[in-house]
C-alpha atoms as a PDB file:
ATOM      1  CA  UNK A   1       0.000   0.000   0.000  1.00  0.00           C
ATOM      2  CA  UNK A   2       1.248   3.464  -0.899  1.00  0.00           C
ATOM      3  CA  UNK A   3       1.952   5.866   1.971  1.00  0.00           C
ATOM      4  CA  UNK A   4       0.029   9.143   1.938  1.00  0.00           C
ATOM      5  CA  UNK A   5       2.088  12.179   1.045  1.00  0.00           C
ATOM      6  CA  UNK A   6       2.608  15.090   3.410  1.00  0.00           C
ATOM      7  CA  UNK A   7       0.183  16.999   1.193  1.00  0.00           C
ATOM      8  CA  UNK A   8      -2.528  14.342   1.539  1.00  0.00           C
ATOM      9  CA  UNK A   9      -2.032  13.987   5.295  1.00  0.00           C
ATOM     10  CA  UNK A  10      -2.258  17.752   5.725  1.00  0.00           C
ATOM     11  CA  UNK A  11      -5.446  18.005   3.664  1.00  0.00           C
ATOM     12  CA  UNK A  12      -7.035  15.146   5.627  1.00  0.00           C
ATOM     13  CA  UNK A  13      -6.072  16.758   8.943  1.00  0.00           C
ATOM     14  CA  UNK A  14      -7.672  20.054   7.905  1.00  0.00           C
ATOM     15  CA  UNK A  15     -10.802  18.241   6.747  1.00  0.00           C
ATOM     16  CA  UNK A  16     -11.022  16.417  10.075  1.00  0.00           C
ATOM     17  CA  UNK A  17     -10.673  19.711  11.952  1.00  0.00           C
ATOM     18  CA  UNK A  18     -13.372  21.407   9.888  1.00  0.00           C
ATOM     19  CA  UNK A  19     -15.860  18.548  10.140  1.00  0.00           C
ATOM     20  CA  UNK A  20     -15.825  18.849  13.923  1.00  0.00           C
ATOM     21  CA  UNK A  21     -16.725  22.545  13.984  1.00  0.00           C
ATOM     22  CA  UNK A  22     -20.190  24.114  14.131  1.00  0.00           C
ATOM     23  CA  UNK A  23     -21.199  25.643  10.774  1.00  0.00           C
ATOM     24  CA  UNK A  24     -20.516  29.284  11.717  1.00  0.00           C
ATOM     25  CA  UNK A  25     -17.114  28.459  13.231  1.00  0.00           C
ATOM     26  CA  UNK A  26     -16.315  26.263  10.240  1.00  0.00           C
ATOM     27  CA  UNK A  27     -16.964  29.106   7.819  1.00  0.00           C
ATOM     28  CA  UNK A  28     -14.882  31.575   9.850  1.00  0.00           C
ATOM     29  CA  UNK A  29     -12.044  29.059  10.033  1.00  0.00           C
ATOM     30  CA  UNK A  30     -12.204  28.398   6.290  1.00  0.00           C
ATOM     31  CA  UNK A  31     -12.037  32.143   5.578  1.00  0.00           C
ATOM     32  CA  UNK A  32      -9.028  32.613   7.875  1.00  0.00           C
ATOM     33  CA  UNK A  33      -7.189  29.572   6.512  1.00  0.00           C
ATOM     34  CA  UNK A  34      -7.940  30.641   2.933  1.00  0.00           C
ATOM     35  CA  UNK A  35      -6.439  34.075   3.549  1.00  0.00           C
ATOM     36  CA  UNK A  36      -3.359  32.536   5.160  1.00  0.00           C
ATOM     37  CA  UNK A  37      -2.933  30.002   2.359  1.00  0.00           C
ATOM     38  CA  UNK A  38      -3.252  32.669  -0.343  1.00  0.00           C
ATOM     39  CA  UNK A  39      -0.548  34.746   1.349  1.00  0.00           C
ATOM     40  CA  UNK A  40       1.707  31.689   1.736  1.00  0.00           C
ATOM     41  CA  UNK A  41       1.144  30.672  -1.895  1.00  0.00           C
ATOM     42  CA  UNK A  42       2.043  34.154  -3.135  1.00  0.00           C
ATOM     43  CA  UNK A  43       5.176  34.124  -0.981  1.00  0.00           C
ATOM     44  CA  UNK A  44       6.161  30.665  -2.260  1.00  0.00           C
ATOM     45  CA  UNK A  45       5.572  31.699  -5.878  1.00  0.00           C
ATOM     46  CA  UNK A  46       7.757  34.774  -5.478  1.00  0.00           C
ATOM     47  CA  UNK A  47      10.503  32.710  -3.820  1.00  0.00           C
ATOM     48  CA  UNK A  48      10.331  30.152  -6.621  1.00  0.00           C
ATOM     49  CA  UNK A  49      10.508  32.866  -9.277  1.00  0.00           C
ATOM     50  CA  UNK A  50      13.479  34.470  -7.489  1.00  0.00           C
ATOM     51  CA  UNK A  51      15.226  31.085  -7.540  1.00  0.00           C
ATOM     52  CA  UNK A  52      14.638  30.677 -11.283  1.00  0.00           C
ATOM     53  CA  UNK A  53      11.499  28.525 -11.461  1.00  0.00           C
ATOM     54  CA  UNK A  54       9.491  28.921 -14.653  1.00  0.00           C
ATOM     55  CA  UNK A  55       5.855  29.963 -14.769  1.00  0.00           C
ATOM     56  CA  UNK A  56       5.180  26.602 -16.414  1.00  0.00           C
ATOM     57  CA  UNK A  57       6.580  24.720 -13.384  1.00  0.00           C
ATOM     58  CA  UNK A  58       4.696  26.975 -10.966  1.00  0.00           C
ATOM     59  CA  UNK A  59       1.451  26.559 -12.898  1.00  0.00           C
ATOM     60  CA  UNK A  60       1.889  22.791 -12.897  1.00  0.00           C
ATOM     61  CA  UNK A  61       2.474  22.742  -9.124  1.00  0.00           C
ATOM     62  CA  UNK A  62      -0.669  24.834  -8.622  1.00  0.00           C
ATOM     63  CA  UNK A  63      -2.762  22.702 -10.971  1.00  0.00           C
ATOM     64  CA  UNK A  64      -3.237  25.503 -13.480  1.00  0.00           C
ATOM     65  CA  UNK A  65      -1.649  26.778 -16.651  1.00  0.00           C
ATOM     66  CA  UNK A  66       1.488  28.878 -16.920  1.00  0.00           C
ATOM     67  CA  UNK A  67      -0.681  31.800 -17.985  1.00  0.00           C
ATOM     68  CA  UNK A  68      -3.126  31.254 -15.133  1.00  0.00           C
ATOM     69  CA  UNK A  69      -0.334  31.289 -12.565  1.00  0.00           C
ATOM     70  CA  UNK A  70       1.250  34.357 -14.138  1.00  0.00           C
ATOM     71  CA  UNK A  71      -2.071  36.215 -14.257  1.00  0.00           C
ATOM     72  CA  UNK A  72      -2.891  35.451 -10.631  1.00  0.00           C
ATOM     73  CA  UNK A  73       0.469  36.085  -9.042  1.00  0.00           C
ATOM     74  CA  UNK A  74       1.642  39.065 -11.032  1.00  0.00           C
ATOM     75  CA  UNK A  75      -1.662  40.825 -10.300  1.00  0.00           C
ATOM     76  CA  UNK A  76      -1.333  39.841  -6.636  1.00  0.00           C
ATOM     77  CA  UNK A  77       2.109  41.423  -6.473  1.00  0.00           C
ATOM     78  CA  UNK A  78       0.959  44.691  -8.042  1.00  0.00           C
ATOM     79  CA  UNK A  79      -2.092  44.994  -5.804  1.00  0.00           C
ATOM     80  CA  UNK A  80      -4.761  44.301  -8.423  1.00  0.00           C
ATOM     81  CA  UNK A  81      -5.630  40.698  -7.559  1.00  0.00           C
ATOM     82  CA  UNK A  82      -9.269  39.703  -7.838  1.00  0.00           C
ATOM     83  CA  UNK A  83      -9.172  37.475  -4.767  1.00  0.00           C
END
């Protein structure tokens, strides 16, 4: 049997945490975690770009296209992000 990745274990742990919360608390927690994750993703993207990673590689890691990653994270860095 294949061992779960750190990614999968983390996602399952977050799901377990959320399932146990009342609806209102769950929604507040999701909003806070989403904001934190977006900030962390932007930081990671900028670090990867600074280290020479291509937009293609970043898009692949994010499950989107090169153009999608570029659009999202260059707008985020200039303050015009839609999220």
